[in-house]
């Protein structure tokens, strides 16, 4: 029977990881082909077989990893992520569950968990969530204050965009993204020439200031994540070096003991 150590060595090999990455990319491409009715009509059977084959590979891989790591497999959030993705894929996509067929493309997201660089980026984003939540609250506050002001100022001048608070908030969100705001501002400025002051101030605060804070927080989170990863790697290397040094010292002590014994045996003869 194959031992857990052998299976663990297999799933940890670089070649095995590259094979899984290749299968994920291949499966994502075949699922993309299934969106074309012409390709499905001509190669539907081949695409279905390719999809089943890829799913089989993923299921076998997950089972191997569970066997190799045991309960510790479930302590890693990335392993849980992979398990959920594969679990959704194996649910029968017929009848009431036919909508789950569209979720098969989620398997492509497994690239995040198997490609270290992508995993670092996502980990950085997750570490930045607390800071991003604070900035999102600040942005919501700015949007709300600007929405109330714009509704009071412009609802009678441009009711199609500022009739009530809900309509105004949607308009200001559109302005914040930079989509079509010059047309809205120019039309409004024909009736209120100084309306540009409100729009310029709002765009500077919402787009250039608050949204750039998101970037700063995300970059800081990614930098912190990479720093922690480097620290963990150094600690692991230090532990391995310590174990190697202790083994070397043990061998040296054993060698010295053997030499001492040999000298002791030769001493009476001399």
C-alpha atoms as a PDB file:
ATOM      1  CA  UNK A   1       0.000   0.000   0.000  1.00  0.00           C
ATOM      2  CA  UNK A   2       1.264   3.476  -0.884  1.00  0.00           C
ATOM      3  CA  UNK A   3       2.148   5.473   2.226  1.00  0.00           C
ATOM      4  CA  UNK A   4       1.017   9.006   3.011  1.00  0.00           C
ATOM      5  CA  UNK A   5       4.600  10.222   2.706  1.00  0.00           C
ATOM      6  CA  UNK A   6       4.861   8.913  -0.847  1.00  0.00           C
ATOM      7  CA  UNK A   7       1.550  10.516  -1.853  1.00  0.00           C
ATOM      8  CA  UNK A   8       2.570  13.764  -0.163  1.00  0.00           C
ATOM      9  CA  UNK A   9       5.821  13.760  -2.097  1.00  0.00           C
ATOM     10  CA  UNK A  10       3.880  13.145  -5.318  1.00  0.00           C
ATOM     11  CA  UNK A  11       1.373  16.008  -4.884  1.00  0.00           C
ATOM     12  CA  UNK A  12       4.169  18.353  -3.798  1.00  0.00           C
ATOM     13  CA  UNK A  13       6.300  17.798  -6.892  1.00  0.00           C
ATOM     14  CA  UNK A  14       6.701  20.708  -9.278  1.00  0.00           C
ATOM     15  CA  UNK A  15       5.851  18.469 -12.243  1.00  0.00           C
ATOM     16  CA  UNK A  16       2.566  17.400 -10.646  1.00  0.00           C
ATOM     17  CA  UNK A  17       1.633  21.025  -9.915  1.00  0.00           C
ATOM     18  CA  UNK A  18       2.413  22.025 -13.496  1.00  0.00           C
ATOM     19  CA  UNK A  19       0.264  19.161 -14.760  1.00  0.00           C
ATOM     20  CA  UNK A  20      -2.683  20.379 -12.660  1.00  0.00           C
ATOM     21  CA  UNK A  21      -2.184  23.948 -13.910  1.00  0.00           C
ATOM     22  CA  UNK A  22      -2.205  22.645 -17.487  1.00  0.00           C
ATOM     23  CA  UNK A  23      -5.440  20.720 -16.875  1.00  0.00           C
ATOM     24  CA  UNK A  24      -7.088  23.808 -15.343  1.00  0.00           C
ATOM     25  CA  UNK A  25      -6.146  25.962 -18.338  1.00  0.00           C
ATOM     26  CA  UNK A  26      -7.239  23.229 -20.770  1.00  0.00           C
ATOM     27  CA  UNK A  27     -10.580  22.853 -18.985  1.00  0.00           C
ATOM     28  CA  UNK A  28     -11.143  26.627 -18.983  1.00  0.00           C
ATOM     29  CA  UNK A  29     -10.532  26.741 -22.748  1.00  0.00           C
ATOM     30  CA  UNK A  30     -12.924  23.858 -23.447  1.00  0.00           C
ATOM     31  CA  UNK A  31     -15.624  25.484 -21.313  1.00  0.00           C
ATOM     32  CA  UNK A  32     -15.129  28.643 -23.339  1.00  0.00           C
ATOM     33  CA  UNK A  33     -15.643  26.657 -26.555  1.00  0.00           C
ATOM     34  CA  UNK A  34     -18.981  25.430 -25.173  1.00  0.00           C
ATOM     35  CA  UNK A  35     -20.335  28.979 -25.424  1.00  0.00           C
ATOM     36  CA  UNK A  36     -20.271  28.696 -29.223  1.00  0.00           C
ATOM     37  CA  UNK A  37     -23.322  26.839 -30.625  1.00  0.00           C
ATOM     38  CA  UNK A  38     -21.448  26.073 -33.857  1.00  0.00           C
ATOM     39  CA  UNK A  39     -18.525  24.447 -32.038  1.00  0.00           C
ATOM     40  CA  UNK A  40     -20.858  22.533 -29.719  1.00  0.00           C
ATOM     41  CA  UNK A  41     -22.843  21.209 -32.693  1.00  0.00           C
ATOM     42  CA  UNK A  42     -19.662  19.933 -34.306  1.00  0.00           C
ATOM     43  CA  UNK A  43     -17.511  18.883 -31.345  1.00  0.00           C
ATOM     44  CA  UNK A  44     -20.030  18.592 -28.501  1.00  0.00           C
ATOM     45  CA  UNK A  45     -19.099  14.989 -27.705  1.00  0.00           C
ATOM     46  CA  UNK A  46     -15.384  15.759 -27.590  1.00  0.00           C
ATOM     47  CA  UNK A  47     -15.944  18.786 -25.354  1.00  0.00           C
ATOM     48  CA  UNK A  48     -18.129  16.766 -22.988  1.00  0.00           C
ATOM     49  CA  UNK A  49     -15.485  14.034 -22.759  1.00  0.00           C
ATOM     50  CA  UNK A  50     -12.755  16.620 -22.132  1.00  0.00           C
ATOM     51  CA  UNK A  51     -14.833  18.189 -19.374  1.00  0.00           C
ATOM     52  CA  UNK A  52     -15.466  14.815 -17.691  1.00  0.00           C
ATOM     53  CA  UNK A  53     -11.778  13.894 -17.990  1.00  0.00           C
ATOM     54  CA  UNK A  54     -10.665  17.186 -16.407  1.00  0.00           C
ATOM     55  CA  UNK A  55     -13.183  16.788 -13.593  1.00  0.00           C
ATOM     56  CA  UNK A  56     -11.899  13.262 -12.958  1.00  0.00           C
ATOM     57  CA  UNK A  57      -8.344  14.572 -12.687  1.00  0.00           C
ATOM     58  CA  UNK A  58      -9.453  17.253 -10.213  1.00  0.00           C
ATOM     59  CA  UNK A  59     -11.373  14.779  -8.053  1.00  0.00           C
ATOM     60  CA  UNK A  60      -8.433  12.350  -7.974  1.00  0.00           C
ATOM     61  CA  UNK A  61      -6.074  15.198  -7.084  1.00  0.00           C
ATOM     62  CA  UNK A  62      -8.277  16.346  -4.192  1.00  0.00           C
ATOM     63  CA  UNK A  63      -8.593  12.787  -2.874  1.00  0.00           C
ATOM     64  CA  UNK A  64      -4.821  12.310  -3.063  1.00  0.00           C
ATOM     65  CA  UNK A  65      -4.231  15.538  -1.140  1.00  0.00           C
ATOM     66  CA  UNK A  66      -6.787  14.607   1.523  1.00  0.00           C
ATOM     67  CA  UNK A  67      -5.135  11.192   1.930  1.00  0.00           C
ATOM     68  CA  UNK A  68      -1.650  12.723   1.986  1.00  0.00           C
ATOM     69  CA  UNK A  69      -2.308  15.415   4.584  1.00  0.00           C
ATOM     70  CA  UNK A  70      -5.185  13.905   6.576  1.00  0.00           C
ATOM     71  CA  UNK A  71      -7.098  16.301   8.818  1.00  0.00           C
ATOM     72  CA  UNK A  72      -4.439  18.969   8.339  1.00  0.00           C
ATOM     73  CA  UNK A  73      -5.782  19.312   4.786  1.00  0.00           C
ATOM     74  CA  UNK A  74      -8.839  21.098   6.180  1.00  0.00           C
ATOM     75  CA  UNK A  75      -6.740  23.575   8.171  1.00  0.00           C
ATOM     76  CA  UNK A  76      -5.623  25.317   4.978  1.00  0.00           C
ATOM     77  CA  UNK A  77      -8.175  27.791   3.608  1.00  0.00           C
ATOM     78  CA  UNK A  78      -6.868  27.284   0.060  1.00  0.00           C
ATOM     79  CA  UNK A  79      -7.561  23.558   0.326  1.00  0.00           C
ATOM     80  CA  UNK A  80     -11.125  24.332   1.431  1.00  0.00           C
ATOM     81  CA  UNK A  81     -11.446  26.674  -1.551  1.00  0.00           C
ATOM     82  CA  UNK A  82     -10.365  23.901  -3.942  1.00  0.00           C
ATOM     83  CA  UNK A  83     -12.698  21.410  -2.262  1.00  0.00           C
ATOM     84  CA  UNK A  84     -15.712  23.732  -2.615  1.00  0.00           C
ATOM     85  CA  UNK A  85     -14.952  24.413  -6.289  1.00  0.00           C
ATOM     86  CA  UNK A  86     -14.693  20.704  -7.069  1.00  0.00           C
ATOM     87  CA  UNK A  87     -17.733  19.941  -4.901  1.00  0.00           C
ATOM     88  CA  UNK A  88     -19.864  22.327  -6.958  1.00  0.00           C
ATOM     89  CA  UNK A  89     -18.587  20.672 -10.138  1.00  0.00           C
ATOM     90  CA  UNK A  90     -19.618  17.146  -9.121  1.00  0.00           C
ATOM     91  CA  UNK A  91     -23.205  18.114  -8.240  1.00  0.00           C
ATOM     92  CA  UNK A  92     -25.528  16.702 -10.961  1.00  0.00           C
ATOM     93  CA  UNK A  93     -26.338  19.573 -13.339  1.00  0.00           C
ATOM     94  CA  UNK A  94     -29.757  18.358 -14.391  1.00  0.00           C
ATOM     95  CA  UNK A  95     -33.294  19.373 -13.553  1.00  0.00           C
ATOM     96  CA  UNK A  96     -33.386  21.977 -10.800  1.00  0.00           C
ATOM     97  CA  UNK A  97     -29.588  21.985 -10.672  1.00  0.00           C
ATOM     98  CA  UNK A  98     -29.099  22.748 -14.382  1.00  0.00           C
ATOM     99  CA  UNK A  99     -28.089  26.299 -13.481  1.00  0.00           C
ATOM    100  CA  UNK A 100     -24.971  24.830 -11.845  1.00  0.00           C
ATOM    101  CA  UNK A 101     -23.609  23.989 -15.303  1.00  0.00           C
ATOM    102  CA  UNK A 102     -22.706  27.637 -15.689  1.00  0.00           C
ATOM    103  CA  UNK A 103     -20.674  27.428 -12.468  1.00  0.00           C
ATOM    104  CA  UNK A 104     -18.265  24.908 -13.974  1.00  0.00           C
ATOM    105  CA  UNK A 105     -16.111  27.799 -15.161  1.00  0.00           C
ATOM    106  CA  UNK A 106     -15.333  28.445 -11.487  1.00  0.00           C
ATOM    107  CA  UNK A 107     -12.782  25.652 -11.841  1.00  0.00           C
ATOM    108  CA  UNK A 108     -10.584  28.182 -13.633  1.00  0.00           C
ATOM    109  CA  UNK A 109     -10.332  30.042 -10.324  1.00  0.00           C
ATOM    110  CA  UNK A 110      -8.271  27.121  -9.016  1.00  0.00           C
ATOM    111  CA  UNK A 111      -5.339  28.757 -10.777  1.00  0.00           C
ATOM    112  CA  UNK A 112      -5.333  31.187  -7.849  1.00  0.00           C
ATOM    113  CA  UNK A 113      -4.670  28.413  -5.352  1.00  0.00           C
ATOM    114  CA  UNK A 114      -2.057  26.526  -7.386  1.00  0.00           C
ATOM    115  CA  UNK A 115      -0.056  29.488  -8.745  1.00  0.00           C
ATOM    116  CA  UNK A 116       1.981  30.998  -5.861  1.00  0.00           C
ATOM    117  CA  UNK A 117       2.140  34.509  -7.361  1.00  0.00           C
ATOM    118  CA  UNK A 118      -1.658  34.677  -7.729  1.00  0.00           C
ATOM    119  CA  UNK A 119      -2.089  33.294  -4.228  1.00  0.00           C
ATOM    120  CA  UNK A 120       0.133  36.065  -2.835  1.00  0.00           C
ATOM    121  CA  UNK A 121      -1.918  38.731  -4.607  1.00  0.00           C
ATOM    122  CA  UNK A 122      -5.219  37.384  -3.260  1.00  0.00           C
ATOM    123  CA  UNK A 123      -3.744  36.980   0.224  1.00  0.00           C
ATOM    124  CA  UNK A 124      -2.667  40.608   0.077  1.00  0.00           C
ATOM    125  CA  UNK A 125      -6.164  41.653  -0.919  1.00  0.00           C
ATOM    126  CA  UNK A 126      -7.671  39.679   1.952  1.00  0.00           C
ATOM    127  CA  UNK A 127      -5.236  41.235   4.411  1.00  0.00           C
ATOM    128  CA  UNK A 128      -6.287  44.685   3.150  1.00  0.00           C
ATOM    129  CA  UNK A 129     -10.014  44.034   3.724  1.00  0.00           C
ATOM    130  CA  UNK A 130     -10.208  45.797   7.135  1.00  0.00           C
ATOM    131  CA  UNK A 131      -8.615  48.943   5.744  1.00  0.00           C
ATOM    132  CA  UNK A 132     -10.714  48.751   2.595  1.00  0.00           C
ATOM    133  CA  UNK A 133     -13.879  48.519   4.702  1.00  0.00           C
ATOM    134  CA  UNK A 134     -12.983  51.782   6.451  1.00  0.00           C
ATOM    135  CA  UNK A 135     -12.308  53.511   3.147  1.00  0.00           C
ATOM    136  CA  UNK A 136     -15.561  52.123   1.696  1.00  0.00           C
ATOM    137  CA  UNK A 137     -17.425  53.613   4.667  1.00  0.00           C
ATOM    138  CA  UNK A 138     -15.691  56.951   4.046  1.00  0.00           C
ATOM    139  CA  UNK A 139     -16.601  56.799   0.363  1.00  0.00           C
ATOM    140  CA  UNK A 140     -20.230  55.990   1.224  1.00  0.00           C
ATOM    141  CA  UNK A 141     -20.309  58.985   3.567  1.00  0.00           C
ATOM    142  CA  UNK A 142     -18.882  61.290   0.884  1.00  0.00           C
ATOM    143  CA  UNK A 143     -21.377  59.938  -1.646  1.00  0.00           C
ATOM    144  CA  UNK A 144     -24.300  60.416   0.739  1.00  0.00           C
ATOM    145  CA  UNK A 145     -23.351  63.992   1.663  1.00  0.00           C
ATOM    146  CA  UNK A 146     -22.796  64.900  -1.987  1.00  0.00           C
ATOM    147  CA  UNK A 147     -26.096  63.197  -2.902  1.00  0.00           C
ATOM    148  CA  UNK A 148     -28.109  65.252  -0.446  1.00  0.00           C
ATOM    149  CA  UNK A 149     -26.381  68.456  -1.570  1.00  0.00           C
ATOM    150  CA  UNK A 150     -26.864  67.714  -5.285  1.00  0.00           C
ATOM    151  CA  UNK A 151     -30.520  66.829  -4.806  1.00  0.00           C
ATOM    152  CA  UNK A 152     -31.182  70.122  -2.998  1.00  0.00           C
ATOM    153  CA  UNK A 153     -29.245  72.131  -5.578  1.00  0.00           C
ATOM    154  CA  UNK A 154     -30.196  70.537  -8.890  1.00  0.00           C
ATOM    155  CA  UNK A 155     -33.449  68.570  -8.569  1.00  0.00           C
ATOM    156  CA  UNK A 156     -35.499  71.337 -10.189  1.00  0.00           C
ATOM    157  CA  UNK A 157     -32.870  72.108 -12.831  1.00  0.00           C
ATOM    158  CA  UNK A 158     -32.197  68.542 -14.028  1.00  0.00           C
ATOM    159  CA  UNK A 159     -34.862  66.194 -12.593  1.00  0.00           C
ATOM    160  CA  UNK A 160     -33.898  63.274 -14.845  1.00  0.00           C
ATOM    161  CA  UNK A 161     -30.595  63.016 -12.956  1.00  0.00           C
ATOM    162  CA  UNK A 162     -31.318  64.633  -9.564  1.00  0.00           C
ATOM    163  CA  UNK A 163     -35.053  64.133  -8.950  1.00  0.00           C
ATOM    164  CA  UNK A 164     -34.611  62.351  -5.603  1.00  0.00           C
ATOM    165  CA  UNK A 165     -31.855  60.976  -3.410  1.00  0.00           C
ATOM    166  CA  UNK A 166     -31.823  57.539  -5.072  1.00  0.00           C
ATOM    167  CA  UNK A 167     -31.571  58.976  -8.574  1.00  0.00           C
ATOM    168  CA  UNK A 168     -28.905  61.441  -7.450  1.00  0.00           C
ATOM    169  CA  UNK A 169     -26.792  58.739  -5.811  1.00  0.00           C
ATOM    170  CA  UNK A 170     -26.829  56.699  -9.009  1.00  0.00           C
ATOM    171  CA  UNK A 171     -25.878  59.792 -11.018  1.00  0.00           C
ATOM    172  CA  UNK A 172     -23.030  60.631  -8.651  1.00  0.00           C
ATOM    173  CA  UNK A 173     -21.767  57.055  -8.786  1.00  0.00           C
ATOM    174  CA  UNK A 174     -21.715  57.369 -12.573  1.00  0.00           C
ATOM    175  CA  UNK A 175     -19.877  60.694 -12.260  1.00  0.00           C
ATOM    176  CA  UNK A 176     -17.355  59.094  -9.868  1.00  0.00           C
ATOM    177  CA  UNK A 177     -16.489  56.448 -12.467  1.00  0.00           C
ATOM    178  CA  UNK A 178     -15.936  59.185 -15.063  1.00  0.00           C
ATOM    179  CA  UNK A 179     -18.644  57.801 -17.375  1.00  0.00           C
ATOM    180  CA  UNK A 180     -20.553  60.570 -19.192  1.00  0.00           C
ATOM    181  CA  UNK A 181     -20.181  63.169 -16.469  1.00  0.00           C
ATOM    182  CA  UNK A 182     -19.135  66.011 -18.852  1.00  0.00           C
ATOM    183  CA  UNK A 183     -22.481  65.694 -20.672  1.00  0.00           C
ATOM    184  CA  UNK A 184     -24.382  65.878 -17.374  1.00  0.00           C
ATOM    185  CA  UNK A 185     -22.305  68.830 -16.154  1.00  0.00           C
ATOM    186  CA  UNK A 186     -22.479  70.799 -19.390  1.00  0.00           C
ATOM    187  CA  UNK A 187     -26.247  70.389 -19.658  1.00  0.00           C
ATOM    188  CA  UNK A 188     -26.637  71.513 -16.056  1.00  0.00           C
ATOM    189  CA  UNK A 189     -24.251  74.448 -16.486  1.00  0.00           C
ATOM    190  CA  UNK A 190     -26.542  75.977 -19.126  1.00  0.00           C
ATOM    191  CA  UNK A 191     -28.939  76.638 -16.225  1.00  0.00           C
ATOM    192  CA  UNK A 192     -26.441  76.919 -13.345  1.00  0.00           C
ATOM    193  CA  UNK A 193     -23.037  78.157 -14.637  1.00  0.00           C
ATOM    194  CA  UNK A 194     -21.318  77.560 -11.292  1.00  0.00           C
ATOM    195  CA  UNK A 195     -22.344  73.889 -11.143  1.00  0.00           C
ATOM    196  CA  UNK A 196     -18.846  72.926 -12.302  1.00  0.00           C
ATOM    197  CA  UNK A 197     -17.536  73.799  -8.821  1.00  0.00           C
ATOM    198  CA  UNK A 198     -19.625  71.014  -7.288  1.00  0.00           C
ATOM    199  CA  UNK A 199     -18.617  68.437  -9.905  1.00  0.00           C
ATOM    200  CA  UNK A 200     -14.906  69.234  -9.850  1.00  0.00           C
ATOM    201  CA  UNK A 201     -14.792  69.160  -6.049  1.00  0.00           C
ATOM    202  CA  UNK A 202     -16.757  65.919  -5.878  1.00  0.00           C
ATOM    203  CA  UNK A 203     -14.576  64.173  -8.479  1.00  0.00           C
ATOM    204  CA  UNK A 204     -11.360  65.275  -6.753  1.00  0.00           C
ATOM    205  CA  UNK A 205     -12.552  63.993  -3.387  1.00  0.00           C
ATOM    206  CA  UNK A 206     -14.225  60.749  -4.531  1.00  0.00           C
ATOM    207  CA  UNK A 207     -12.097  59.630  -7.477  1.00  0.00           C
ATOM    208  CA  UNK A 208      -8.641  61.098  -6.933  1.00  0.00           C
ATOM    209  CA  UNK A 209      -8.490  60.977  -3.142  1.00  0.00           C
ATOM    210  CA  UNK A 210     -10.707  58.246  -1.711  1.00  0.00           C
ATOM    211  CA  UNK A 211     -10.341  55.708  -4.533  1.00  0.00           C
ATOM    212  CA  UNK A 212      -6.559  56.103  -4.532  1.00  0.00           C
ATOM    213  CA  UNK A 213      -6.658  55.209  -0.851  1.00  0.00           C
ATOM    214  CA  UNK A 214      -7.973  51.808  -1.911  1.00  0.00           C
ATOM    215  CA  UNK A 215      -4.873  51.302  -4.023  1.00  0.00           C
ATOM    216  CA  UNK A 216      -2.602  52.368  -1.170  1.00  0.00           C
ATOM    217  CA  UNK A 217      -4.289  49.980   1.277  1.00  0.00           C
ATOM    218  CA  UNK A 218      -4.163  47.071  -1.181  1.00  0.00           C
ATOM    219  CA  UNK A 219      -0.483  47.674  -1.975  1.00  0.00           C
ATOM    220  CA  UNK A 220       0.298  47.902   1.739  1.00  0.00           C
ATOM    221  CA  UNK A 221      -1.579  44.655   2.371  1.00  0.00           C
ATOM    222  CA  UNK A 222       0.289  42.877  -0.425  1.00  0.00           C
ATOM    223  CA  UNK A 223       3.612  44.201   0.849  1.00  0.00           C
ATOM    224  CA  UNK A 224       2.793  43.016   4.366  1.00  0.00           C
ATOM    225  CA  UNK A 225       1.765  39.608   3.026  1.00  0.00           C
ATOM    226  CA  UNK A 226       5.020  39.238   1.079  1.00  0.00           C
ATOM    227  CA  UNK A 227       7.006  40.326   4.153  1.00  0.00           C
ATOM    228  CA  UNK A 228       5.292  37.695   6.300  1.00  0.00           C
ATOM    229  CA  UNK A 229       5.921  35.083   3.624  1.00  0.00           C
ATOM    230  CA  UNK A 230       9.615  35.993   3.533  1.00  0.00           C
ATOM    231  CA  UNK A 231       9.794  35.810   7.329  1.00  0.00           C
ATOM    232  CA  UNK A 232       8.157  32.372   7.300  1.00  0.00           C
ATOM    233  CA  UNK A 233      10.587  31.211   4.608  1.00  0.00           C
ATOM    234  CA  UNK A 234      13.547  32.483   6.636  1.00  0.00           C
ATOM    235  CA  UNK A 235      12.254  30.807   9.791  1.00  0.00           C
ATOM    236  CA  UNK A 236      11.768  27.558   7.899  1.00  0.00           C
ATOM    237  CA  UNK A 237      15.270  27.800   6.445  1.00  0.00           C
ATOM    238  CA  UNK A 238      16.670  28.560   9.900  1.00  0.00           C
ATOM    239  CA  UNK A 239      14.877  25.542  11.371  1.00  0.00           C
ATOM    240  CA  UNK A 240      16.185  23.309   8.594  1.00  0.00           C
ATOM    241  CA  UNK A 241      19.692  24.691   9.077  1.00  0.00           C
ATOM    242  CA  UNK A 242      19.453  24.109  12.828  1.00  0.00           C
ATOM    243  CA  UNK A 243      18.328  20.524  12.291  1.00  0.00           C
ATOM    244  CA  UNK A 244      21.186  20.004   9.837  1.00  0.00           C
ATOM    245  CA  UNK A 245      23.689  21.488  12.297  1.00  0.00           C
ATOM    246  CA  UNK A 246      22.407  19.293  15.112  1.00  0.00           C
ATOM    247  CA  UNK A 247      22.696  16.223  12.913  1.00  0.00           C
ATOM    248  CA  UNK A 248      26.232  17.210  11.976  1.00  0.00           C
ATOM    249  CA  UNK A 249      27.155  17.763  15.633  1.00  0.00           C
ATOM    250  CA  UNK A 250      25.687  14.378  16.552  1.00  0.00           C
ATOM    251  CA  UNK A 251      27.779  12.706  13.867  1.00  0.00           C
ATOM    252  CA  UNK A 252      30.890  14.569  15.031  1.00  0.00           C
ATOM    253  CA  UNK A 253      30.289  13.512  18.638  1.00  0.00           C
ATOM    254  CA  UNK A 254      29.771   9.910  17.524  1.00  0.00           C
ATOM    255  CA  UNK A 255      32.990  10.085  15.504  1.00  0.00           C
ATOM    256  CA  UNK A 256      34.905  11.530  18.462  1.00  0.00           C
ATOM    257  CA  UNK A 257      33.545   8.768  20.681  1.00  0.00           C
ATOM    258  CA  UNK A 258      34.706   6.137  18.209  1.00  0.00           C
ATOM    259  CA  UNK A 259      38.149   7.744  18.008  1.00  0.00           C
ATOM    260  CA  UNK A 260      38.358   7.866  21.800  1.00  0.00           C
ATOM    261  CA  UNK A 261      37.413   4.198  22.007  1.00  0.00           C
ATOM    262  CA  UNK A 262      40.058   3.275  19.437  1.00  0.00           C
ATOM    263  CA  UNK A 263      42.693   5.223  21.365  1.00  0.00           C
ATOM    264  CA  UNK A 264      41.608   3.530  24.579  1.00  0.00           C
ATOM    265  CA  UNK A 265      41.948   0.115  22.967  1.00  0.00           C
ATOM    266  CA  UNK A 266      45.434   0.876  21.619  1.00  0.00           C
ATOM    267  CA  UNK A 267      46.690   2.420  24.847  1.00  0.00           C
ATOM    268  CA  UNK A 268      47.306  -0.911  26.698  1.00  0.00           C
ATOM    269  CA  UNK A 269      49.085  -2.289  23.669  1.00  0.00           C
ATOM    270  CA  UNK A 270      51.452   0.656  23.656  1.00  0.00           C
END
